[in-house]
Amino acid sequence: MADFMRRTSLTPSDAYPTSSGRTFVVHGPTTSIVVPGSYGAPTVGRSFQCQMLVETEAADAKGTADSWRVTRITRSGPC
């Protein structure tokens, strides 16, 4: 998990235990769609945010970021 955080510059916002280890919830940057508004002023039409569920398994018993090996990443949104 430490390597994932170092490479992406993203930090998990939440985590929960699973049967095989722990799943970390990571939110990426927000992307906004800007549409022409009235009188020439732009209007934000909609905002989207990438969400990743990073599934890990324990590599050792220390409990640090280096202790979790990434096994699968599930993405939703504009990642």
Protein backbone atom coordinates (compact mmCIF):
# COMPACT_ATOMS: atom_id res chain seq x y z
CA MET A 1 0.00 0.00 0.00
CA ALA A 2 2.90 2.35 0.71
CA ASP A 3 4.16 1.87 -2.86
CA PHE A 4 0.66 2.61 -4.26
CA MET A 5 0.49 5.82 -2.21
CA ARG A 6 3.98 6.87 -3.28
CA ARG A 7 3.31 6.27 -7.00
CA THR A 8 -0.16 7.87 -7.15
CA SER A 9 0.20 10.59 -4.48
CA LEU A 10 -3.24 9.49 -3.22
CA THR A 11 -4.02 8.73 0.42
CA PRO A 12 -6.87 6.46 1.55
CA SER A 13 -9.81 8.22 3.18
CA ASP A 14 -11.19 5.07 4.82
CA ALA A 15 -10.46 1.37 5.32
CA TYR A 16 -12.39 -1.65 6.46
CA PRO A 17 -11.38 -5.23 7.26
CA THR A 18 -12.20 -8.07 4.86
CA SER A 19 -11.76 -11.82 5.05
CA SER A 20 -8.48 -11.68 3.13
CA GLY A 21 -7.04 -8.49 4.64
CA ARG A 22 -8.21 -4.89 4.36
CA THR A 23 -9.87 -2.73 1.70
CA PHE A 24 -8.83 0.90 1.43
CA VAL A 25 -11.13 3.56 -0.05
CA VAL A 26 -9.25 6.14 -2.14
CA HIS A 27 -10.85 9.22 -3.74
CA GLY A 28 -9.12 10.81 -6.69
CA PRO A 29 -9.38 14.38 -7.94
CA THR A 30 -12.76 15.88 -8.86
CA THR A 31 -13.47 16.50 -12.54
CA SER A 32 -16.05 19.13 -13.49
CA ILE A 33 -17.90 19.64 -16.75
CA VAL A 34 -18.30 23.34 -17.51
CA VAL A 35 -21.10 24.37 -19.86
CA PRO A 36 -21.88 27.77 -21.35
CA GLY A 37 -24.17 29.71 -19.05
CA SER A 38 -26.29 32.74 -19.55
CA TYR A 39 -24.72 36.07 -20.50
CA GLY A 40 -21.36 34.45 -21.26
CA ALA A 41 -20.65 33.29 -17.69
CA PRO A 42 -19.65 29.60 -17.51
CA THR A 43 -21.71 27.25 -15.37
CA VAL A 44 -20.57 24.01 -13.75
CA GLY A 45 -22.80 21.35 -15.23
CA ARG A 46 -21.73 18.40 -13.13
CA SER A 47 -18.81 17.18 -11.05
CA PHE A 48 -17.44 13.64 -10.93
CA GLN A 49 -14.90 12.02 -8.64
CA CYS A 50 -12.85 8.90 -9.11
CA GLN A 51 -13.23 6.30 -6.36
CA MET A 52 -10.96 3.30 -5.98
CA LEU A 53 -11.37 0.32 -3.69
CA VAL A 54 -7.88 -1.05 -3.11
CA GLU A 55 -8.04 -4.62 -1.81
CA THR A 56 -4.99 -5.77 0.11
CA GLU A 57 -3.68 -8.71 2.09
CA ALA A 58 -1.35 -8.62 5.07
CA ALA A 59 2.34 -9.02 4.23
CA ASP A 60 3.41 -8.93 7.89
CA ALA A 61 1.94 -8.18 11.32
CA LYS A 62 3.36 -4.65 11.77
CA GLY A 63 0.17 -2.86 10.63
CA THR A 64 2.00 -0.08 8.77
CA ALA A 65 1.41 1.02 5.16
CA ASP A 66 4.26 -1.30 4.11
CA SER A 67 2.39 -4.21 5.70
CA TRP A 68 -0.33 -4.38 3.04
CA ARG A 69 0.19 -5.92 -0.43
CA VAL A 70 -2.27 -4.72 -3.09
CA THR A 71 -4.17 -7.63 -4.68
CA ARG A 72 -6.90 -5.84 -6.65
CA ILE A 73 -8.11 -2.34 -7.50
CA THR A 74 -11.73 -1.61 -8.45
CA ARG A 75 -12.34 1.82 -10.01
CA SER A 76 -15.49 3.85 -10.55
CA GLY A 77 -15.88 7.32 -11.99
CA PRO A 78 -13.38 9.21 -14.18
CA CYS A 79 -10.14 7.51 -13.11
